[in-house]
Amino acid sequence: MDAERLILETDALGNLKQVPKLPPNKRLEAIFLVLDNLTDFAVKKRTPHPDIVGKIKILGDVIHTVPETDWNLPQ
C-alpha cells in the first residue's frame, strides 16, 4: 500500500477546484481532514540566486510566449 498526500481546495459551493489524476483500476480509501489554517500551506516566496540578482532584464512580452491553452487555467 502506497500513501500519497493531496491537498485539495474547494470553491464557495464546496466543489473541487481541480480534480486530481488518480491511478486507473485501483481501489482508493480517502480520509478528509479540513484544514483550518491556510498559512501552513502558503506558497513560500521565491528569490533568485544571489549570483543573478539584478542582472536579469526582460526584453520583450513574456505573457504571450506560451499559448493560453498551456496555462492549465480552471474553466
C-alpha atoms as a PDB file:
ATOM      1  CA  MET A   1       0.000   0.000   0.000  1.00  0.00           C
ATOM      2  CA  ASP A   2       1.372   3.384  -1.005  1.00  0.00           C
ATOM      3  CA  ALA A   3       0.356   6.671   0.580  1.00  0.00           C
ATOM      4  CA  GLU A   4       0.163   9.970  -1.236  1.00  0.00           C
ATOM      5  CA  ARG A   5      -0.767  13.238   0.396  1.00  0.00           C
ATOM      6  CA  LEU A   6      -3.009  15.523  -1.629  1.00  0.00           C
ATOM      7  CA  ILE A   7      -4.211  18.938  -0.554  1.00  0.00           C
ATOM      8  CA  LEU A   8      -7.439  19.735  -2.364  1.00  0.00           C
ATOM      9  CA  GLU A   9      -9.194  23.105  -2.484  1.00  0.00           C
ATOM     10  CA  THR A  10     -12.895  23.784  -2.874  1.00  0.00           C
ATOM     11  CA  ASP A  11     -14.802  26.775  -4.173  1.00  0.00           C
ATOM     12  CA  ALA A  12     -17.565  28.691  -2.375  1.00  0.00           C
ATOM     13  CA  LEU A  13     -20.065  25.910  -3.151  1.00  0.00           C
ATOM     14  CA  GLY A  14     -17.840  23.100  -1.865  1.00  0.00           C
ATOM     15  CA  ASN A  15     -16.890  21.770  -5.310  1.00  0.00           C
ATOM     16  CA  LEU A  16     -13.304  20.753  -6.009  1.00  0.00           C
ATOM     17  CA  LYS A  17     -11.345  23.437  -7.855  1.00  0.00           C
ATOM     18  CA  GLN A  18      -9.181  20.846  -9.604  1.00  0.00           C
ATOM     19  CA  VAL A  19      -9.835  17.101  -9.761  1.00  0.00           C
ATOM     20  CA  PRO A  20      -6.638  15.099  -9.120  1.00  0.00           C
ATOM     21  CA  LYS A  21      -5.391  12.428 -11.527  1.00  0.00           C
ATOM     22  CA  LEU A  22      -5.897   9.007  -9.936  1.00  0.00           C
ATOM     23  CA  PRO A  23      -4.394   5.615 -10.863  1.00  0.00           C
ATOM     24  CA  PRO A  24      -6.605   3.520 -13.173  1.00  0.00           C
ATOM     25  CA  ASN A  25      -8.315   0.329 -11.998  1.00  0.00           C
ATOM     26  CA  LYS A  26      -7.460   0.782  -8.318  1.00  0.00           C
ATOM     27  CA  ARG A  27      -9.461   0.979  -5.108  1.00  0.00           C
ATOM     28  CA  LEU A  28      -8.767   4.082  -3.049  1.00  0.00           C
ATOM     29  CA  GLU A  29      -9.542   4.962   0.534  1.00  0.00           C
ATOM     30  CA  ALA A  30      -9.830   8.651   1.343  1.00  0.00           C
ATOM     31  CA  ILE A  31      -9.862  10.388   4.714  1.00  0.00           C
ATOM     32  CA  PHE A  32     -10.623  14.094   4.519  1.00  0.00           C
ATOM     33  CA  LEU A  33      -9.256  16.451   7.148  1.00  0.00           C
ATOM     34  CA  VAL A  34     -10.498  20.029   6.934  1.00  0.00           C
ATOM     35  CA  LEU A  35      -7.564  22.413   7.348  1.00  0.00           C
ATOM     36  CA  ASP A  36      -8.438  25.499   9.370  1.00  0.00           C
ATOM     37  CA  ASN A  37      -5.217  27.410   8.918  1.00  0.00           C
ATOM     38  CA  LEU A  38      -4.280  28.084   5.294  1.00  0.00           C
ATOM     39  CA  THR A  39      -0.967  29.702   6.236  1.00  0.00           C
ATOM     40  CA  ASP A  40       0.546  26.259   6.862  1.00  0.00           C
ATOM     41  CA  PHE A  41       0.443  25.602   3.135  1.00  0.00           C
ATOM     42  CA  ALA A  42       1.020  29.098   1.840  1.00  0.00           C
ATOM     43  CA  VAL A  43       3.347  29.424  -1.113  1.00  0.00           C
ATOM     44  CA  LYS A  44       6.818  30.373   0.006  1.00  0.00           C
ATOM     45  CA  LYS A  45       8.302  33.496  -1.511  1.00  0.00           C
ATOM     46  CA  ARG A  46      10.899  32.544  -4.074  1.00  0.00           C
ATOM     47  CA  THR A  47      14.027  34.611  -4.550  1.00  0.00           C
ATOM     48  CA  PRO A  48      16.661  34.379  -7.272  1.00  0.00           C
ATOM     49  CA  HIS A  49      20.130  33.051  -6.623  1.00  0.00           C
ATOM     50  CA  PRO A  50      22.429  35.797  -5.231  1.00  0.00           C
ATOM     51  CA  ASP A  51      24.734  35.498  -8.274  1.00  0.00           C
ATOM     52  CA  ILE A  52      21.993  36.661 -10.670  1.00  0.00           C
ATOM     53  CA  VAL A  53      20.151  39.230  -8.541  1.00  0.00           C
ATOM     54  CA  GLY A  54      19.812  42.468 -10.511  1.00  0.00           C
ATOM     55  CA  LYS A  55      21.396  41.043 -13.687  1.00  0.00           C
ATOM     56  CA  ILE A  56      18.224  39.871 -15.471  1.00  0.00           C
ATOM     57  CA  LYS A  57      16.473  42.175 -17.957  1.00  0.00           C
ATOM     58  CA  ILE A  58      13.130  41.395 -19.579  1.00  0.00           C
ATOM     59  CA  LEU A  59      13.445  42.411 -23.213  1.00  0.00           C
ATOM     60  CA  GLY A  60      10.013  41.519 -24.528  1.00  0.00           C
ATOM     61  CA  ASP A  61       6.478  40.356 -23.872  1.00  0.00           C
ATOM     62  CA  VAL A  62       6.676  37.311 -21.587  1.00  0.00           C
ATOM     63  CA  ILE A  63       2.893  36.824 -21.340  1.00  0.00           C
ATOM     64  CA  HIS A  64       2.395  35.776 -24.965  1.00  0.00           C
ATOM     65  CA  THR A  65       5.407  33.437 -25.168  1.00  0.00           C
ATOM     66  CA  VAL A  66       3.260  30.409 -24.228  1.00  0.00           C
ATOM     67  CA  PRO A  67      -0.220  29.736 -25.660  1.00  0.00           C
ATOM     68  CA  GLU A  68      -3.085  30.274 -23.195  1.00  0.00           C
ATOM     69  CA  THR A  69      -4.120  26.622 -23.644  1.00  0.00           C
ATOM     70  CA  ASP A  70      -0.857  25.542 -21.950  1.00  0.00           C
ATOM     71  CA  TRP A  71      -1.520  27.577 -18.792  1.00  0.00           C
ATOM     72  CA  ASN A  72      -3.822  24.912 -17.261  1.00  0.00           C
ATOM     73  CA  LEU A  73      -6.313  27.547 -16.120  1.00  0.00           C
ATOM     74  CA  PRO A  74      -9.591  26.469 -14.465  1.00  0.00           C
ATOM     75  CA  GLN A  75     -12.629  26.797 -16.713  1.00  0.00           C
END
